[in-house]
Structures are given as structure tokens and as C-alpha cells.
Amino acid sequence: VFFVSLAPLRSVEIIVPTISEAVGFAFYGGTVEPKEQLLSYLRSKQMLLVLDNYEHLLEGSGATDIVADILATAPAAKLLATSRDRLNVQGEHRFHITGMSFPDWETPEDALEYSAVKLFLQSAGRVRPSFEPTVDDLSYVAHICRLVEGMPLAILLATAWVEILSPSEIAAEIRQSLDFLETDLRDVPKRQRSMRAVFDHTWDLLTECEKELFAGLSVFRGGFTRDAAREIAGASLRDLMALVHKSLVHRTASGRYGVHDLIRQY
């Protein structure tokens, strides 16, 4: 298994050398193109390549050519790509990553059984070792997990405040402003130091039309229907599909469409 970090890349041309470095392959001289050299090396390999953070490269010319070429050339190689937008190549199987499980109500008796609550308490214990939540605290922890819909990064950013704030105060701050969810930790990538930075990254990848449309959809609370999106925001079915593919809108089991509350607030 080889991990290939694409987050630092700013050009599609760097993908091939980045993969080569990750798998330990060194290019040789001659007239053979670097991509062909890499494909020849991978041809008989049985491996898993984890391509992390692909979305910002997708608009480049030939952004997914290397993915298609590896799949065609190296039948024993598998690719796992993380991306906020689909790669849109043949053979792609999409797995939607949602938030961790959280209670649907404010005072659950089984709060400690939910993974989002567990993450909050574990992280809070690292920030403040003496942190021992009361029953009332647990109800607010559950509320915090609901506010961020189980989003792991948001939970970690929220727990950074337990050193000076109670869970009830943290919940109130999240309701008041998205910008509360940030950290000054030195070893956290800049793009993950706040929820606004995370959403800025996604926003910058949208076209001007998509930005205008998504801003229009933010007026809805509790989700919306396809007809409502068309009447209020002028969204066509293809427009909705584009936002679904970019992980900004999701379709619920009931057939309605929803937007994560933190993104709606953004």
C-alpha cells in the first residue's frame, strides 16, 4: 500500500513524478516518456495506491489520464482516491463519506455509544486531562455533534476550546459563528486550521454560476425539494447533480435534498 499526497500539488504535470516517488521508482534516461516508464514499472505490480486530495487537480487538462492509464495497464493495481468531486472515469466506484454517528436528540441515555461523542470526549481529554463531563455536559456534547453533523474535523476544532469553555458555551459559539471552529496548532495544515478554510477550498473550486446557485440554495433550512430549488434558486436538474458531485448537496432517503448546516452557514 502506497500513500500519495496530492494536496500540495498545483499542476497536473506533477502527478506522475509524485506517484513515482511514493512507490520508490526512479526515472531513467532515454526517449521513453516518464509516464510510460511508470506504467511499465506498475504493469505487473499488485498494490493499492491511495491518491489523497484529488479534487483541486480535476480541472486541469488530462487530470485523470494517469488514473485511467494505470487501471488499463496494471490489472493487479487498485486505486483509492479521496476527492470532493468525482473523477468521472470508467470503473469508478463511489463511496460517500458522511459524518460520524451522533444522537438525534438532546439528552440521549446512550450518548456514549455514538462515535462522534466518543471522539469529542477523547479529544477533550487530551486538551484538558481533568475533563469529566456531567450529565448536563453530555447533553450539550450531543448537541455539538448534531450542530456539526458528526464532522470529525469540526469536532476536533470544537474540543480545542474545552480548556476555557464548557460544552454549553461551545455549542452557543458554534450556533453564533462558523469562525469559532478554528485552531492555532502548529502542526495542522493551513487548509484544515478552520472550517472556513476547509469550505474556502471547496468554494474556490466552483464556477461563478455554481457559487451563485449554491448561495441561493442556502436560504433553505431543513432541506428542499427539486421543484423548490428550481422555483427559488433557478436550479436545473443538471445544476443539482453538479453540486451533489462536488459534495455540497446530498439527496436524502425521502427524495429531498439537503445541505450540511455548517456549509449552509458559510
Protein backbone atom coordinates (compact mmCIF):
# COMPACT_ATOMS: atom_id res chain seq x y z
CA VAL A 1 0.00 0.00 0.00
CA PHE A 2 1.39 3.41 -1.00
CA PHE A 3 0.08 6.80 0.13
CA VAL A 4 0.29 9.57 -2.45
CA SER A 5 -0.43 13.07 -1.10
CA LEU A 6 -1.76 15.28 -3.88
CA ALA A 7 -2.78 18.20 -1.64
CA PRO A 8 0.47 20.20 -2.16
CA LEU A 9 0.36 19.86 -5.96
CA ARG A 10 -0.60 22.83 -8.10
CA SER A 11 -0.13 21.25 -11.52
CA VAL A 12 -1.37 18.09 -13.22
CA GLU A 13 2.12 17.53 -14.62
CA ILE A 14 3.42 16.78 -11.12
CA ILE A 15 1.08 13.82 -10.54
CA VAL A 16 3.26 11.27 -12.35
CA PRO A 17 6.54 12.15 -10.55
CA THR A 18 4.66 12.30 -7.23
CA ILE A 19 3.30 8.76 -7.71
CA SER A 20 6.74 7.58 -8.81
CA GLU A 21 8.37 8.99 -5.69
CA ALA A 22 5.73 7.37 -3.46
CA VAL A 23 6.25 3.88 -4.93
CA GLY A 24 10.04 4.22 -4.97
CA PHE A 25 10.51 4.27 -8.74
CA ALA A 26 13.35 6.33 -10.24
CA PHE A 27 13.11 7.53 -13.83
CA TYR A 28 15.90 6.60 -16.23
CA GLY A 29 17.23 8.46 -19.24
CA GLY A 30 16.33 7.85 -22.85
CA THR A 31 13.46 8.72 -25.13
CA VAL A 32 10.68 6.98 -23.16
CA GLU A 33 8.28 9.45 -21.53
CA PRO A 34 8.18 9.45 -17.69
CA LYS A 35 4.52 8.34 -17.64
CA GLU A 36 5.30 5.36 -19.89
CA GLN A 37 8.24 4.44 -17.66
CA LEU A 38 5.97 4.48 -14.60
CA LEU A 39 3.25 2.45 -16.32
CA SER A 40 5.82 -0.15 -17.39
CA TYR A 41 7.02 -0.38 -13.79
CA LEU A 42 3.46 -0.80 -12.45
CA ARG A 43 2.34 -3.26 -15.13
CA SER A 44 2.95 -6.42 -13.10
CA LYS A 45 2.66 -4.93 -9.62
CA GLN A 46 -0.04 -5.92 -7.13
CA MET A 47 -0.60 -2.83 -4.97
CA LEU A 48 -3.02 -0.25 -3.63
CA LEU A 49 -2.33 3.41 -4.41
CA VAL A 50 -4.09 5.88 -2.09
CA LEU A 51 -4.40 9.16 -4.01
CA ASP A 52 -5.31 11.73 -1.38
CA ASN A 53 -7.00 15.09 -2.19
CA TYR A 54 -7.57 14.88 -5.92
CA GLU A 55 -10.33 17.48 -6.31
CA HIS A 56 -8.25 20.60 -6.95
CA LEU A 57 -6.48 18.95 -9.89
CA LEU A 58 -9.57 17.79 -11.75
CA GLU A 59 -9.99 20.93 -13.86
CA GLY A 60 -6.51 20.55 -15.37
CA SER A 61 -6.12 19.11 -18.84
CA GLY A 62 -5.66 15.33 -18.62
CA ALA A 63 -6.09 15.34 -14.84
CA THR A 64 -7.36 11.77 -14.67
CA ASP A 65 -5.43 10.31 -17.62
CA ILE A 66 -2.89 8.69 -15.31
CA VAL A 67 -5.69 7.04 -13.32
CA ALA A 68 -7.28 5.57 -16.45
CA ASP A 69 -3.88 4.51 -17.78
CA ILE A 70 -2.90 2.71 -14.57
CA LEU A 71 -6.24 0.87 -14.49
CA ALA A 72 -5.78 -0.20 -18.13
CA THR A 73 -2.09 -1.11 -17.86
CA ALA A 74 -1.76 -2.64 -14.41
CA PRO A 75 -4.71 -5.01 -13.81
CA ALA A 76 -3.47 -6.00 -10.33
CA ALA A 77 -3.18 -2.40 -9.13
CA LYS A 78 -6.07 -0.75 -7.28
CA LEU A 79 -6.60 2.96 -6.74
CA LEU A 80 -8.34 4.62 -3.80
CA ALA A 81 -8.80 8.34 -4.42
CA THR A 82 -10.19 10.85 -1.95
CA SER A 83 -11.88 13.79 -3.62
CA ARG A 84 -14.73 16.24 -3.06
CA ASP A 85 -15.68 15.75 -6.70
CA ARG A 86 -15.93 12.54 -8.67
CA LEU A 87 -13.06 11.62 -11.01
CA ASN A 88 -15.61 10.61 -13.64
CA VAL A 89 -13.67 7.74 -15.20
CA GLN A 90 -14.84 4.28 -16.22
CA GLY A 91 -14.64 1.72 -13.45
CA GLU A 92 -15.06 4.32 -10.71
CA HIS A 93 -16.99 3.14 -7.65
CA ARG A 94 -18.06 5.98 -5.36
CA PHE A 95 -18.19 5.68 -1.59
CA HIS A 96 -19.81 8.66 0.12
CA ILE A 97 -18.14 9.59 3.40
CA THR A 98 -20.55 11.09 5.91
CA GLY A 99 -20.06 12.31 9.47
CA MET A 100 -19.59 10.03 12.45
CA SER A 101 -22.70 8.74 14.20
CA PHE A 102 -24.32 11.20 16.62
CA PRO A 103 -27.50 11.30 18.74
CA ASP A 104 -30.67 12.61 17.09
CA TRP A 105 -31.93 14.11 20.33
CA GLU A 106 -30.53 16.31 23.08
CA THR A 107 -30.42 14.08 26.15
CA PRO A 108 -29.75 10.52 24.99
CA GLU A 109 -29.20 7.91 27.65
CA ASP A 110 -26.85 6.06 25.32
CA ALA A 111 -24.80 9.11 24.24
CA LEU A 112 -21.52 7.33 24.96
CA GLU A 113 -22.33 4.72 22.33
CA TYR A 114 -22.04 7.22 19.44
CA SER A 115 -18.70 7.60 17.66
CA ALA A 116 -18.95 11.40 17.38
CA VAL A 117 -19.46 11.72 21.15
CA LYS A 118 -16.57 9.34 21.79
CA LEU A 119 -14.30 11.42 19.57
CA PHE A 120 -15.29 14.62 21.40
CA LEU A 121 -14.59 13.11 24.81
CA GLN A 122 -11.26 11.57 23.75
CA SER A 123 -10.06 14.81 22.21
CA ALA A 124 -11.32 16.88 25.15
CA GLY A 125 -9.37 14.62 27.50
CA ARG A 126 -6.16 15.41 25.64
CA VAL A 127 -6.80 19.16 25.83
CA ARG A 128 -7.89 19.08 29.47
CA PRO A 129 -6.95 15.82 31.27
CA SER A 130 -9.23 16.68 34.20
CA PHE A 131 -12.29 16.97 31.95
CA GLU A 132 -15.08 14.76 33.34
CA PRO A 133 -18.44 15.58 31.72
CA THR A 134 -21.56 15.74 33.84
CA VAL A 135 -24.93 14.51 32.63
CA ASP A 136 -25.76 18.07 31.55
CA ASP A 137 -22.42 18.33 29.76
CA LEU A 138 -23.19 15.16 27.80
CA SER A 139 -26.43 16.65 26.53
CA TYR A 140 -24.50 19.65 25.18
CA VAL A 141 -21.80 17.40 23.73
CA ALA A 142 -24.58 15.56 21.89
CA HIS A 143 -25.91 18.94 20.74
CA ILE A 144 -22.47 19.97 19.46
CA CYS A 145 -22.17 16.73 17.50
CA ARG A 146 -25.59 17.43 15.98
CA LEU A 147 -24.65 21.00 15.06
CA VAL A 148 -21.64 19.79 13.08
CA GLU A 149 -23.47 16.63 11.91
CA GLY A 150 -20.68 14.38 13.16
CA MET A 151 -17.96 16.02 11.04
CA PRO A 152 -14.68 14.80 12.64
CA LEU A 153 -12.58 17.91 11.91
CA ALA A 154 -15.30 20.20 13.28
CA ILE A 155 -15.48 18.10 16.45
CA LEU A 156 -11.70 18.30 16.94
CA LEU A 157 -11.76 22.07 16.41
CA ALA A 158 -14.61 22.40 18.92
CA THR A 159 -12.85 20.37 21.62
CA ALA A 160 -9.83 22.67 21.43
CA TRP A 161 -11.92 25.13 23.47
CA VAL A 162 -12.73 22.90 26.46
CA GLU A 163 -9.71 24.36 28.25
CA ILE A 164 -11.63 27.61 28.86
CA LEU A 165 -15.26 26.91 27.82
CA SER A 166 -17.95 24.48 28.94
CA PRO A 167 -19.76 22.29 26.37
CA SER A 168 -22.82 24.55 26.65
CA GLU A 169 -20.69 27.62 25.84
CA ILE A 170 -19.02 25.83 22.93
CA ALA A 171 -22.43 24.92 21.50
CA ALA A 172 -23.58 28.54 21.80
CA GLU A 173 -20.48 29.80 19.99
CA ILE A 174 -20.95 27.33 17.12
CA ARG A 175 -24.56 28.45 16.69
CA GLN A 176 -23.42 32.07 16.59
CA SER A 177 -20.49 31.84 14.18
CA LEU A 178 -18.76 29.34 11.91
CA ASP A 179 -15.44 31.15 12.57
CA PHE A 180 -15.40 29.81 16.12
CA LEU A 181 -14.25 26.46 14.73
CA GLU A 182 -10.54 27.09 14.26
CA THR A 183 -7.22 26.15 15.84
CA ASP A 184 -3.75 27.60 16.26
CA LEU A 185 -1.97 24.22 16.39
CA ARG A 186 1.33 24.50 14.55
CA ASP A 187 1.35 21.03 13.01
CA VAL A 188 -2.08 21.25 11.36
CA PRO A 189 -2.12 22.02 7.60
CA LYS A 190 -3.28 25.56 6.87
CA ARG A 191 -6.26 24.28 4.89
CA GLN A 192 -7.51 22.40 7.99
CA ARG A 193 -6.97 25.04 10.67
CA SER A 194 -10.56 26.21 10.47
CA MET A 195 -13.86 25.10 8.99
CA ARG A 196 -13.90 28.33 6.96
CA ALA A 197 -10.56 27.35 5.41
CA VAL A 198 -11.99 23.93 4.53
CA PHE A 199 -15.04 25.50 2.86
CA ASP A 200 -12.94 28.21 1.18
CA HIS A 201 -11.03 25.43 -0.56
CA THR A 202 -14.24 23.92 -1.90
CA TRP A 203 -15.75 27.33 -2.78
CA ASP A 204 -12.67 28.24 -4.86
CA LEU A 205 -13.21 25.14 -7.00
CA LEU A 206 -16.72 26.23 -8.04
CA THR A 207 -17.60 28.15 -11.19
CA GLU A 208 -19.21 31.57 -10.78
CA CYS A 209 -22.59 30.11 -11.77
CA GLU A 210 -22.24 27.32 -9.20
CA LYS A 211 -21.34 29.85 -6.49
CA GLU A 212 -24.43 31.93 -7.26
CA LEU A 213 -26.66 28.87 -7.33
CA PHE A 214 -25.31 27.43 -4.09
CA ALA A 215 -25.68 30.77 -2.32
CA GLY A 216 -29.32 30.78 -3.43
CA LEU A 217 -29.90 27.30 -2.03
CA SER A 218 -28.59 28.40 1.37
CA VAL A 219 -31.96 30.05 2.12
CA PHE A 220 -33.47 26.61 2.69
CA ARG A 221 -33.46 25.17 6.21
CA GLY A 222 -34.25 21.52 6.75
CA GLY A 223 -33.71 20.58 3.13
CA PHE A 224 -35.64 21.27 -0.06
CA THR A 225 -37.35 19.56 -2.99
CA ARG A 226 -36.24 19.58 -6.59
CA ASP A 227 -39.21 21.80 -7.50
CA ALA A 228 -38.41 24.29 -4.72
CA ALA A 229 -34.78 24.53 -5.88
CA ARG A 230 -35.98 25.31 -9.40
CA GLU A 231 -38.56 27.90 -8.32
CA ILE A 232 -36.46 29.71 -5.70
CA ALA A 233 -32.87 29.38 -6.96
CA GLY A 234 -33.41 28.58 -10.64
CA ALA A 235 -31.61 25.25 -10.27
CA SER A 236 -31.94 22.76 -13.08
CA LEU A 237 -31.59 19.03 -12.52
CA ARG A 238 -28.09 19.15 -14.01
CA ASP A 239 -27.20 22.01 -11.65
CA LEU A 240 -28.25 19.91 -8.66
CA MET A 241 -26.27 16.95 -9.95
CA ALA A 242 -23.14 19.13 -10.25
CA LEU A 243 -23.44 20.23 -6.61
CA VAL A 244 -24.10 16.65 -5.49
CA HIS A 245 -20.94 15.53 -7.33
CA LYS A 246 -18.97 18.27 -5.55
CA SER A 247 -20.21 17.01 -2.15
CA LEU A 248 -22.08 20.24 -1.36
CA VAL A 249 -25.62 18.90 -1.69
CA HIS A 250 -26.86 15.42 -0.81
CA ARG A 251 -30.07 13.58 -1.60
CA THR A 252 -31.88 12.08 1.36
CA ALA A 253 -33.73 8.78 1.53
CA SER A 254 -37.03 10.69 1.31
CA GLY A 255 -36.06 12.21 -2.04
CA ARG A 256 -35.41 15.69 -0.66
CA TYR A 257 -32.08 17.48 -0.96
CA GLY A 258 -30.02 18.67 1.98
CA VAL A 259 -27.04 20.88 2.74
CA HIS A 260 -24.77 20.37 5.76
CA ASP A 261 -25.69 23.08 8.25
CA LEU A 262 -22.13 24.34 8.60
CA ILE A 263 -21.86 24.76 4.83
CA ARG A 264 -25.23 26.50 4.77
CA GLN A 265 -23.97 28.88 7.44
CA TYR A 266 -20.86 29.53 5.35
